[in-house]
Structure formats: structure tokens, C-alpha cells
Amino acid sequence: MCGAGYAARGQPSGGAGKKLNVLFIMSDEHNADVLGCYGNRPTLTPFMDSIQEKCLRFEKAYATGPYTQASFPGILTSTYYLEYGRQMMLPAGKTLISEAVKKEGVITAAFHSNPYLSEDFGWNRGWDIFYDSIDDDVPDLYPFIRGKQINKKVETWLSGNIRDDMDRSFFLWVHYMDVHEPYVAEEEFINVVDANLKLEKEEMFGLFREVILKRDISDKENVGLLKKLYSAKVLEVDSCMRELFHIFDLAGVLDKSVIFFASDHGDEFGEHGGLSHDGKMYTELVGVPLFIYDPGRSSGEVYTKPVSNINISPTIAHLFGSEKVKGFKGSSLLPIEEFRAPSCFGEAINKRGHREKKEDNPIYYCLRDNRKIIFDKGADSWELYDIEDDPGEKRNCFDGDKRAGGLKQELE
């Protein structure tokens, strides 16, 4: 059990009572199975693993889509991607978690470097501070602001916020892009993964250009190199998280903050014939890490039933005292003893490459217990997997499983 933590009690911070802050850390394109606490050895996430005694970790967390545009509506608006059609702009009818908690008097701030989540597409709604790096210069070989730079901006904002608004709770969203391709990694992290690996940054970017962009898995050595560079980037994000926790500690807010860690989707390294994150619904893409750090916990806890990232925003809203947010499809994960895990759903466009095309068709999945069904509308094809006996999703048992009909009906 949780001890006397904020999250254990499901205690909101709004109104009277102890001030509570929420920090939501996202790492883009971050597979679950690269974390030590999810079973990876040797560990690439020593800091994340070290804090698990104060965490509620979700063993089977799933995204609502396999790439940013399809997944983030689930994360920040608790809705599904195709509800309003295929839109780059965030529809006006969707409520961002920032809008919901701001109504409770909470200060809201966001720091990220993902162009799909920029002000240009409407993701700035409800934020008192919204930094998306769009106006900043970024290197050609790595087109994002690095996590360490994001942390510095957070530190500057945090020091001013504490000085100016001592009595108000805040909700802070920090989104790291370091794990995201093109996997241009720093030498200090590469050396931990493989001290014999010597690549110039131009060579790393060349692998991205010639292998990832072309979805070429024919050379296993190149795919292996990409996995090593990806692993080095995971180490870098772990280092960023360690630094961010230290910043919170020095500011005197770590023991007053519930901290979420999650990802929007994973990445493929040839498991189903491709690379990067196309419009597929397999676990390497929609299986994501999710844990909640609670400073009041006396021991860690692992929740083993499947949960969806559509429940993250309702959980944050709950902690701030906002129980019913218009349009939210999910429900609060806290208190965990009261959470009843429904089926997990996802929807996206079955695209290949970074952009959707008009001729691309929708693809859907539904996961209940240990059965996962996938429907590709363009191919009019169904797949069913027993994810306990076949975690790699290699044996389609749709035609021979008596539960296929029920899952098909639920998805339809």
C-alpha cells in the first residue's frame, strides 16, 4: 500500500489543505522495455529505478496511438485522435488538462520542443507559461532543444514562481525530445552503452537519413547501431530526470509534488518489419512507461492490469480537485484501490513515414485482459494476439480464438 502519500489518499490541493504541485515529465518516443524497473538489463535508467520505492508503477500502460499526433489527444485531453477527424490543429471542442486545472486556480507552465505540440497547432491553450522552442535556433543534426536546456528554463521559471506565488499550486509539464530520432547521442552516454563504439555526429545522422527514413532493416548491423544510439539517448533522459529532481529539491518543492513520468509512444527496431513509429498498433509502439512518484509513499507498488494514457489527465485533474472535466473519456487512476480498469483503445492512421497521406486509412486496437485485437480498415483485416503467451505479437489467432467475436464487437 501507499503509506500516507498524496496520491494514496487521492488528496486534492485545491481549496483548504496542504499545497500540492504536479510535475508531468514526458519523454518522447520512449519504449517501456528500456527501463530497468520494467525488466531491462543492464539498466539504462539508474535514477528512475532508484526512486521506485516512492512510485506507483503501471506494468502494462498503453498509448492511444503509435505516434505523437495520435497519442497526445489521449494524454493531454483524455480523448481519441479521430473523434474530430484527421486534424493537425487541436480542435476547439477538446479540453486540455491545463485549461481544466487553471479553473481551480492552479498556475500552469509547459516547456517542450516538439513541433507537433506547438502554439501553431493550438496546444498552448490554458498555459500561463508555454515554451515550445519554435522561435529558437536548433542544430541541423539534432533539431530539438535538449533536455538539459529545458531543465535550465524550468529552473529559471521555478525560482521566479516560488518568489512571486508562494501560496499557489502549480502544474508543470516538461517534455523531453532527447530519445527521439535522429539518435544523435553524446559520447559520455555512448561510452556507457559500448565503449568501443566510435561515431561522429555526422555518421549518426547519416544512419538516420539512410536507414531510418528509408525504413531499411536489411542490414542488421545498422539496426544494432541504431539500438545502441537509442540506448545512449535513454541514459541521457535518465540523467535529465535526475537533474530535474535535484532542481525541485533545491527549490524546496520536491516533497510537495506528485510527479508523473510517461511517454507518448515507443519506437520499432525491426520487430514488425519497420523502423521508427509508423501507423502500427504493436506493443513496441503503443506500450509505454508510466509511473507516479509520490513523496509521501512508504513503499513502491506495481499495478499489473492494462491501463491507458487516456487516464493521465483525469488523474491530474483529480489531484487538483477537479473531478468531472467536460469531454474527458478516461477516469482517475487514483486512488488506485478504487480504479476499475476498462479495456484500452487506440486509433490512428496507418501511415508510413512522418506524415499522413490522404489515401492512408485508419487503424484501431482494443486490449482487454491479455487479448489484443487490431483492425486495419484499409486492408479490412483483423489480428488477435494473446499478449501473455505471445508478447511479441507474432501469432495471429483471430480465426481460432473464441473471444475474438466479443473483442471485435467492442472495437466496432
Protein backbone atom coordinates (compact mmCIF):
# COMPACT_ATOMS: atom_id res chain seq x y z
CA MET A 1 0.00 0.00 0.00
CA CYS A 2 0.97 3.61 -0.43
CA GLY A 3 1.55 4.83 3.11
CA ALA A 4 0.34 8.37 3.68
CA GLY A 5 1.08 9.88 0.29
CA TYR A 6 -0.92 12.47 -1.59
CA ALA A 7 -1.71 10.04 -4.36
CA ALA A 8 -2.65 7.25 -1.97
CA ARG A 9 -5.32 9.40 -0.41
CA GLY A 10 -6.27 10.97 -3.72
CA GLN A 11 -5.99 14.26 -1.85
CA PRO A 12 -6.60 17.33 -3.99
CA SER A 13 -4.66 20.50 -3.39
CA GLY A 14 -7.42 22.93 -4.29
CA GLY A 15 -9.06 24.96 -1.58
CA ALA A 16 -8.12 24.38 2.04
CA GLY A 17 -5.46 21.86 2.95
CA LYS A 18 -1.84 21.22 2.13
CA LYS A 19 -0.47 22.74 -1.06
CA LEU A 20 0.22 20.20 -3.79
CA ASN A 21 2.08 20.60 -7.08
CA VAL A 22 2.07 18.23 -10.04
CA LEU A 23 5.02 17.74 -12.37
CA PHE A 24 4.33 15.77 -15.54
CA ILE A 25 7.53 14.55 -17.23
CA MET A 26 7.17 13.17 -20.74
CA SER A 27 9.91 11.53 -22.76
CA ASP A 28 9.05 11.33 -26.44
CA GLU A 29 9.45 8.02 -28.29
CA HIS A 30 10.45 6.18 -25.10
CA ASN A 31 9.86 2.42 -25.04
CA ALA A 32 8.82 0.87 -21.74
CA ASP A 33 11.14 -2.11 -22.01
CA VAL A 34 14.31 0.01 -21.88
CA LEU A 35 13.71 0.92 -18.23
CA GLY A 36 15.36 -1.22 -15.59
CA CYS A 37 12.20 -1.20 -13.49
CA TYR A 38 10.42 -2.78 -16.47
CA GLY A 39 12.99 -5.57 -16.62
CA ASN A 40 15.74 -4.23 -18.89
CA ARG A 41 19.26 -5.40 -18.08
CA PRO A 42 21.77 -3.89 -17.90
CA THR A 43 19.80 -0.89 -16.75
CA LEU A 44 19.79 2.31 -18.79
CA THR A 45 17.72 4.16 -16.20
CA PRO A 46 19.55 4.03 -12.84
CA PHE A 47 17.87 7.15 -11.49
CA MET A 48 14.33 6.18 -12.48
CA ASP A 49 14.91 2.75 -10.98
CA SER A 50 16.24 4.26 -7.74
CA ILE A 51 13.02 6.17 -6.98
CA GLN A 52 10.60 3.27 -7.46
CA GLU A 53 10.13 2.82 -3.69
CA LYS A 54 8.12 6.03 -3.82
CA CYS A 55 6.29 5.18 -7.03
CA LEU A 56 3.11 3.57 -8.23
CA ARG A 57 4.21 1.90 -11.45
CA PHE A 58 1.88 0.63 -14.15
CA GLU A 59 3.28 -2.59 -15.58
CA LYS A 60 1.07 -2.52 -18.69
CA ALA A 61 0.47 1.06 -19.80
CA TYR A 62 -0.71 1.77 -23.33
CA ALA A 63 -0.85 4.82 -25.57
CA THR A 64 -3.95 5.70 -27.57
CA GLY A 65 -1.83 5.88 -30.72
CA PRO A 66 1.62 4.95 -32.07
CA TYR A 67 2.87 8.46 -32.90
CA THR A 68 2.61 11.94 -31.39
CA GLN A 69 -0.44 13.29 -33.23
CA ALA A 70 -2.45 10.16 -32.44
CA SER A 71 -1.29 9.75 -28.85
CA PHE A 72 -1.26 13.24 -27.38
CA PRO A 73 -5.01 13.86 -27.56
CA GLY A 74 -5.29 10.90 -25.18
CA ILE A 75 -2.59 12.25 -22.87
CA LEU A 76 -3.48 15.94 -22.56
CA THR A 77 -7.20 15.98 -23.49
CA SER A 78 -8.32 12.46 -22.46
CA THR A 79 -9.88 11.91 -25.90
CA TYR A 80 -9.16 9.85 -29.01
CA TYR A 81 -7.42 11.17 -32.09
CA LEU A 82 -10.08 10.56 -34.75
CA GLU A 83 -13.08 11.85 -32.78
CA TYR A 84 -12.91 15.13 -34.66
CA GLY A 85 -11.45 13.80 -37.89
CA ARG A 86 -7.87 13.99 -39.06
CA GLN A 87 -6.81 17.44 -37.88
CA MET A 88 -3.37 18.88 -37.26
CA MET A 89 -4.96 21.65 -35.20
CA LEU A 90 -6.19 20.77 -31.74
CA PRO A 91 -9.99 21.02 -32.09
CA ALA A 92 -11.69 23.72 -30.05
CA GLY A 93 -14.06 21.14 -28.59
CA LYS A 94 -11.28 19.32 -26.76
CA THR A 95 -10.36 20.46 -23.25
CA LEU A 96 -6.67 20.48 -22.35
CA ILE A 97 -5.73 19.46 -18.83
CA SER A 98 -4.10 22.89 -18.50
CA GLU A 99 -7.47 24.55 -19.11
CA ALA A 100 -9.18 22.29 -16.58
CA VAL A 101 -6.79 22.85 -13.68
CA LYS A 102 -6.35 26.56 -14.37
CA LYS A 103 -10.02 26.94 -13.44
CA GLU A 104 -9.05 25.60 -10.00
CA GLY A 105 -6.60 28.48 -9.52
CA VAL A 106 -3.54 26.41 -10.39
CA ILE A 107 -0.54 28.02 -12.11
CA THR A 108 0.23 26.20 -15.37
CA ALA A 109 3.53 26.01 -17.23
CA ALA A 110 4.83 23.92 -20.13
CA PHE A 111 8.35 23.50 -21.55
CA HIS A 112 8.94 21.31 -24.60
CA SER A 113 10.47 21.13 -28.08
CA ASN A 114 8.01 19.06 -30.12
CA PRO A 115 6.80 20.99 -33.20
CA TYR A 116 3.58 18.93 -33.42
CA LEU A 117 2.60 20.28 -29.99
CA SER A 118 3.37 23.92 -30.68
CA GLU A 119 1.31 27.06 -30.36
CA ASP A 120 0.79 26.87 -34.13
CA PHE A 121 -1.44 23.82 -33.60
CA GLY A 122 -3.34 25.10 -30.56
CA TRP A 123 -1.56 23.23 -27.76
CA ASN A 124 -0.81 26.47 -25.89
CA ARG A 125 -4.35 26.82 -24.55
CA GLY A 126 -4.65 27.15 -20.79
CA TRP A 127 -0.95 27.60 -20.05
CA ASP A 128 0.28 30.65 -18.13
CA ILE A 129 3.76 29.90 -19.47
CA PHE A 130 4.16 27.98 -22.74
CA TYR A 131 7.60 27.40 -24.23
CA ASP A 132 7.71 25.33 -27.43
CA SER A 133 11.16 26.37 -28.80
CA ILE A 134 9.68 27.17 -32.23
CA ASP A 135 11.44 30.54 -32.37
CA ASP A 136 14.79 29.18 -31.17
CA ASP A 137 17.70 28.10 -33.33
CA VAL A 138 18.43 24.38 -33.18
CA PRO A 139 21.31 22.38 -34.72
CA ASP A 140 20.73 20.78 -38.11
CA LEU A 141 21.93 17.41 -36.82
CA TYR A 142 19.61 17.48 -33.81
CA PRO A 143 16.51 19.60 -34.47
CA PHE A 144 15.27 19.85 -30.87
CA ILE A 145 16.16 21.66 -27.66
CA ARG A 146 17.99 19.18 -25.43
CA GLY A 147 16.68 18.15 -22.04
CA LYS A 148 19.43 19.92 -20.11
CA GLN A 149 18.42 23.20 -21.78
CA ILE A 150 14.77 22.53 -20.96
CA ASN A 151 15.78 21.98 -17.34
CA LYS A 152 17.55 25.34 -17.20
CA LYS A 153 14.41 27.08 -18.41
CA VAL A 154 12.36 25.22 -15.81
CA GLU A 155 14.82 26.21 -13.08
CA THR A 156 14.58 29.88 -14.06
CA TRP A 157 10.78 29.76 -14.14
CA LEU A 158 10.56 27.84 -10.88
CA SER A 159 12.70 30.29 -8.93
CA GLY A 160 10.53 33.19 -10.08
CA ASN A 161 7.28 31.32 -9.47
CA ILE A 162 8.23 30.42 -5.90
CA ARG A 163 9.15 34.03 -5.20
CA ASP A 164 6.00 35.52 -6.72
CA ASP A 165 3.31 32.90 -5.91
CA MET A 166 4.34 31.11 -2.74
CA ASP A 167 0.80 30.05 -1.84
CA ARG A 168 -0.45 28.75 -5.18
CA SER A 169 -0.13 25.23 -6.51
CA PHE A 170 1.38 24.69 -9.94
CA PHE A 171 1.06 22.15 -12.73
CA LEU A 172 4.23 21.82 -14.77
CA TRP A 173 4.56 19.78 -17.97
CA VAL A 174 8.12 19.04 -19.12
CA HIS A 175 8.60 17.17 -22.39
CA TYR A 176 11.99 15.78 -23.40
CA MET A 177 12.81 15.05 -27.04
CA ASP A 178 16.25 13.55 -26.40
CA VAL A 179 15.27 9.92 -27.13
CA HIS A 180 13.57 10.93 -30.38
CA GLU A 181 15.32 10.13 -33.64
CA PRO A 182 17.78 11.01 -35.20
CA TYR A 183 19.55 9.43 -32.18
CA VAL A 184 22.50 11.82 -32.26
CA ALA A 185 23.96 10.85 -28.89
CA GLU A 186 26.67 12.34 -26.70
CA GLU A 187 29.96 10.49 -26.25
CA GLU A 188 29.63 10.21 -22.46
CA PHE A 189 26.43 8.18 -22.82
CA ILE A 190 27.62 6.15 -25.81
CA ASN A 191 30.63 5.03 -23.77
CA VAL A 192 28.35 3.56 -21.11
CA VAL A 193 26.49 1.53 -23.74
CA ASP A 194 29.54 0.50 -25.77
CA ALA A 195 32.96 1.98 -25.07
CA ASN A 196 34.21 0.64 -28.41
CA LEU A 197 31.59 2.46 -30.46
CA LYS A 198 33.16 5.48 -32.15
CA LEU A 199 30.88 7.51 -34.40
CA GLU A 200 30.96 11.15 -35.38
CA LYS A 201 27.69 13.05 -35.11
CA GLU A 202 27.54 13.28 -38.90
CA GLU A 203 27.74 9.48 -39.07
CA MET A 204 24.90 9.12 -36.57
CA PHE A 205 22.76 11.48 -38.61
CA GLY A 206 23.71 9.52 -41.72
CA LEU A 207 22.21 6.39 -40.16
CA PHE A 208 19.01 8.33 -39.60
CA ARG A 209 18.94 9.58 -43.19
CA GLU A 210 19.90 6.34 -44.92
CA VAL A 211 18.38 3.72 -42.62
CA ILE A 212 15.53 5.14 -40.54
CA LEU A 213 13.99 7.44 -43.13
CA LYS A 214 14.15 4.67 -45.74
CA ARG A 215 12.84 2.08 -43.25
CA ASP A 216 15.72 -0.17 -44.30
CA ILE A 217 16.17 -3.10 -41.92
CA SER A 218 18.17 -5.22 -44.37
CA ASP A 219 21.49 -4.57 -42.62
CA LYS A 220 21.21 -5.98 -39.08
CA GLU A 221 24.46 -4.30 -38.07
CA ASN A 222 22.98 -0.88 -38.84
CA VAL A 223 19.83 -1.71 -36.87
CA GLY A 224 22.05 -2.79 -33.98
CA LEU A 225 23.93 0.51 -34.13
CA LEU A 226 20.65 2.42 -34.02
CA LYS A 227 19.57 0.48 -30.94
CA LYS A 228 22.84 1.35 -29.21
CA LEU A 229 22.43 5.04 -30.03
CA TYR A 230 18.83 4.89 -28.83
CA SER A 231 20.05 3.31 -25.59
CA ALA A 232 22.54 6.15 -25.13
CA LYS A 233 19.70 8.65 -25.51
CA VAL A 234 17.68 6.79 -22.86
CA LEU A 235 20.63 7.23 -20.50
CA GLU A 236 20.62 10.93 -21.32
CA VAL A 237 16.96 11.31 -20.39
CA ASP A 238 17.58 9.47 -17.13
CA SER A 239 20.33 12.00 -16.41
CA CYS A 240 17.93 14.86 -17.22
CA MET A 241 15.38 13.46 -14.80
CA ARG A 242 17.97 13.19 -12.05
CA GLU A 243 18.88 16.83 -12.62
CA LEU A 244 15.24 17.95 -12.66
CA PHE A 245 14.52 16.20 -9.35
CA HIS A 246 17.58 17.96 -7.91
CA ILE A 247 16.24 21.31 -9.15
CA PHE A 248 12.92 20.59 -7.46
CA ASP A 249 14.69 19.57 -4.26
CA LEU A 250 16.81 22.73 -4.13
CA ALA A 251 13.69 24.82 -4.74
CA GLY A 252 12.01 23.16 -1.76
CA VAL A 253 9.10 21.73 -3.75
CA LEU A 254 10.08 18.08 -4.27
CA ASP A 255 8.34 16.93 -1.09
CA LYS A 256 5.22 18.87 -2.11
CA SER A 257 4.95 17.48 -5.64
CA VAL A 258 3.40 14.40 -7.20
CA ILE A 259 5.44 13.54 -10.31
CA PHE A 260 4.22 11.60 -13.34
CA PHE A 261 6.54 10.01 -15.89
CA ALA A 262 5.23 8.71 -19.22
CA SER A 263 5.85 8.55 -22.95
CA ASP A 264 3.60 9.19 -25.92
CA HIS A 265 4.74 6.10 -27.86
CA GLY A 266 7.70 3.82 -28.47
CA ASP A 267 9.90 3.00 -31.43
CA GLU A 268 10.30 -0.04 -33.63
CA PHE A 269 13.62 -1.71 -34.43
CA GLY A 270 12.50 -4.29 -36.97
CA GLU A 271 10.11 -6.24 -34.71
CA HIS A 272 7.36 -6.00 -37.33
CA GLY A 273 9.36 -5.19 -40.42
CA GLY A 274 10.00 -1.50 -39.93
CA LEU A 275 11.76 1.28 -38.06
CA SER A 276 10.71 4.43 -36.23
CA HIS A 277 6.99 4.79 -35.45
CA ASP A 278 4.61 4.23 -38.33
CA GLY A 279 0.89 3.58 -38.05
CA LYS A 280 1.08 0.18 -36.38
CA MET A 281 -0.54 -0.92 -33.14
CA TYR A 282 2.02 -3.38 -31.80
CA THR A 283 3.38 -3.23 -28.27
CA GLU A 284 6.78 -1.81 -29.23
CA LEU A 285 4.88 1.31 -30.36
CA VAL A 286 1.86 1.59 -28.05
CA GLY A 287 3.35 0.01 -24.93
CA VAL A 288 4.73 2.88 -22.82
CA PRO A 289 6.20 3.52 -19.38
CA LEU A 290 4.01 5.13 -16.74
CA PHE A 291 4.70 5.70 -13.06
CA ILE A 292 3.66 8.21 -10.42
CA TYR A 293 6.19 9.42 -7.84
CA ASP A 294 4.55 10.28 -4.53
CA PRO A 295 6.78 11.88 -1.84
CA GLY A 296 4.54 10.52 0.91
CA ARG A 297 4.87 6.87 -0.08
CA SER A 298 6.47 4.41 2.31
CA SER A 299 6.86 1.66 -0.32
CA GLY A 300 6.55 1.11 -4.03
CA GLU A 301 3.62 -0.55 -5.74
CA VAL A 302 3.08 -2.14 -9.15
CA TYR A 303 -0.33 -2.22 -10.83
CA THR A 304 -0.41 -5.17 -13.22
CA LYS A 305 -3.64 -4.69 -15.17
CA PRO A 306 -3.61 -2.79 -18.50
CA VAL A 307 -4.22 0.96 -18.27
CA SER A 308 -4.46 3.65 -20.94
CA ASN A 309 -2.77 7.03 -21.12
CA ILE A 310 -6.27 8.45 -21.58
CA ASN A 311 -6.48 8.26 -17.77
CA ILE A 312 -3.49 10.54 -17.09
CA SER A 313 -5.26 13.90 -17.41
CA PRO A 314 -8.27 12.81 -15.31
CA THR A 315 -5.79 11.73 -12.62
CA ILE A 316 -4.04 15.10 -12.63
CA ALA A 317 -7.40 16.88 -12.57
CA HIS A 318 -8.45 14.73 -9.60
CA LEU A 319 -5.34 15.71 -7.64
CA PHE A 320 -6.26 19.36 -8.11
CA GLY A 321 -9.86 18.81 -7.04
CA SER A 322 -11.48 18.79 -10.49
CA GLU A 323 -13.45 15.55 -10.70
CA LYS A 324 -15.55 15.94 -13.85
CA VAL A 325 -13.97 17.65 -16.82
CA LYS A 326 -16.11 18.17 -19.90
CA GLY A 327 -15.17 15.80 -22.69
CA PHE A 328 -12.69 13.64 -20.78
CA LYS A 329 -13.13 9.98 -21.74
CA GLY A 330 -10.85 8.49 -19.10
CA SER A 331 -11.08 8.30 -15.33
CA SER A 332 -8.68 8.94 -12.48
CA LEU A 333 -6.15 6.24 -11.68
CA LEU A 334 -6.19 7.45 -8.07
CA PRO A 335 -6.93 6.25 -5.53
CA ILE A 336 -5.70 3.07 -7.20
CA GLU A 337 -7.84 0.90 -4.91
CA GLU A 338 -10.94 2.41 -6.48
CA PHE A 339 -9.79 2.28 -10.11
CA ARG A 340 -11.60 -0.25 -12.28
CA ALA A 341 -9.53 -0.97 -15.38
CA PRO A 342 -11.64 -0.86 -18.55
CA SER A 343 -10.45 -2.02 -21.97
CA CYS A 344 -7.71 0.03 -23.61
CA PHE A 345 -8.37 1.54 -27.03
CA GLY A 346 -6.27 3.24 -29.67
CA GLU A 347 -6.82 4.76 -33.09
CA ALA A 348 -4.51 6.25 -35.68
CA ILE A 349 -3.81 6.48 -39.39
CA ASN A 350 -1.88 3.56 -40.84
CA LYS A 351 0.81 5.78 -42.28
CA ARG A 352 4.35 5.02 -43.36
CA GLY A 353 6.82 7.80 -42.70
CA HIS A 354 6.45 11.01 -40.76
CA ARG A 355 3.36 12.37 -42.49
CA GLU A 356 -0.14 11.06 -43.00
CA LYS A 357 -1.40 10.91 -46.59
CA LYS A 358 -4.98 11.33 -47.75
CA GLU A 359 -5.06 7.78 -49.06
CA ASP A 360 -3.92 6.31 -45.72
CA ASN A 361 -6.68 4.58 -43.75
CA PRO A 362 -7.47 4.31 -40.03
CA ILE A 363 -6.20 1.51 -37.83
CA TYR A 364 -7.58 0.61 -34.39
CA TYR A 365 -6.84 -1.63 -31.43
CA CYS A 366 -8.66 -2.83 -28.33
CA LEU A 367 -6.97 -4.56 -25.40
CA ARG A 368 -8.89 -6.42 -22.72
CA ASP A 369 -7.09 -8.52 -20.11
CA ASN A 370 -4.48 -10.46 -22.12
CA ARG A 371 -6.18 -10.29 -25.54
CA LYS A 372 -5.45 -7.55 -28.06
CA ILE A 373 -7.35 -7.10 -31.30
CA ILE A 374 -6.23 -4.89 -34.21
CA PHE A 375 -8.35 -3.76 -37.15
CA ASP A 376 -6.76 -2.29 -40.27
CA LYS A 377 -9.61 -0.58 -42.11
CA GLY A 378 -7.71 -0.13 -45.37
CA ALA A 379 -6.83 -3.81 -45.64
CA ASP A 380 -10.09 -4.88 -43.97
CA SER A 381 -8.00 -7.23 -41.84
CA TRP A 382 -8.20 -8.39 -38.23
CA GLU A 383 -5.45 -9.57 -35.92
CA LEU A 384 -5.73 -11.03 -32.42
CA TYR A 385 -2.88 -11.72 -30.02
CA ASP A 386 -2.55 -13.33 -26.62
CA ILE A 387 -0.04 -10.88 -25.16
CA GLU A 388 0.78 -13.16 -22.23
CA ASP A 389 1.73 -16.21 -24.31
CA ASP A 390 2.85 -14.19 -27.34
CA PRO A 391 4.22 -10.83 -26.08
CA GLY A 392 6.00 -10.23 -29.39
CA GLU A 393 2.65 -10.42 -31.23
CA LYS A 394 3.84 -12.86 -33.87
CA ARG A 395 0.97 -15.39 -33.90
CA ASN A 396 -2.34 -14.03 -35.17
CA CYS A 397 -5.03 -16.17 -33.51
CA PHE A 398 -8.08 -14.22 -34.72
CA ASP A 399 -9.62 -17.16 -36.58
CA GLY A 400 -9.17 -19.67 -33.78
CA ASP A 401 -9.92 -17.74 -30.58
CA LYS A 402 -13.49 -17.84 -29.29
CA ARG A 403 -13.02 -14.43 -27.64
CA ALA A 404 -12.35 -12.72 -30.97
CA GLY A 405 -16.02 -12.02 -31.57
CA GLY A 406 -16.51 -10.18 -28.29
CA LEU A 407 -13.43 -8.02 -28.78
CA LYS A 408 -14.40 -7.29 -32.37
CA GLN A 409 -17.82 -6.15 -31.22
CA GLU A 410 -16.28 -3.95 -28.52
CA LEU A 411 -13.98 -2.29 -31.03
CA GLU A 412 -16.76 -1.74 -33.56
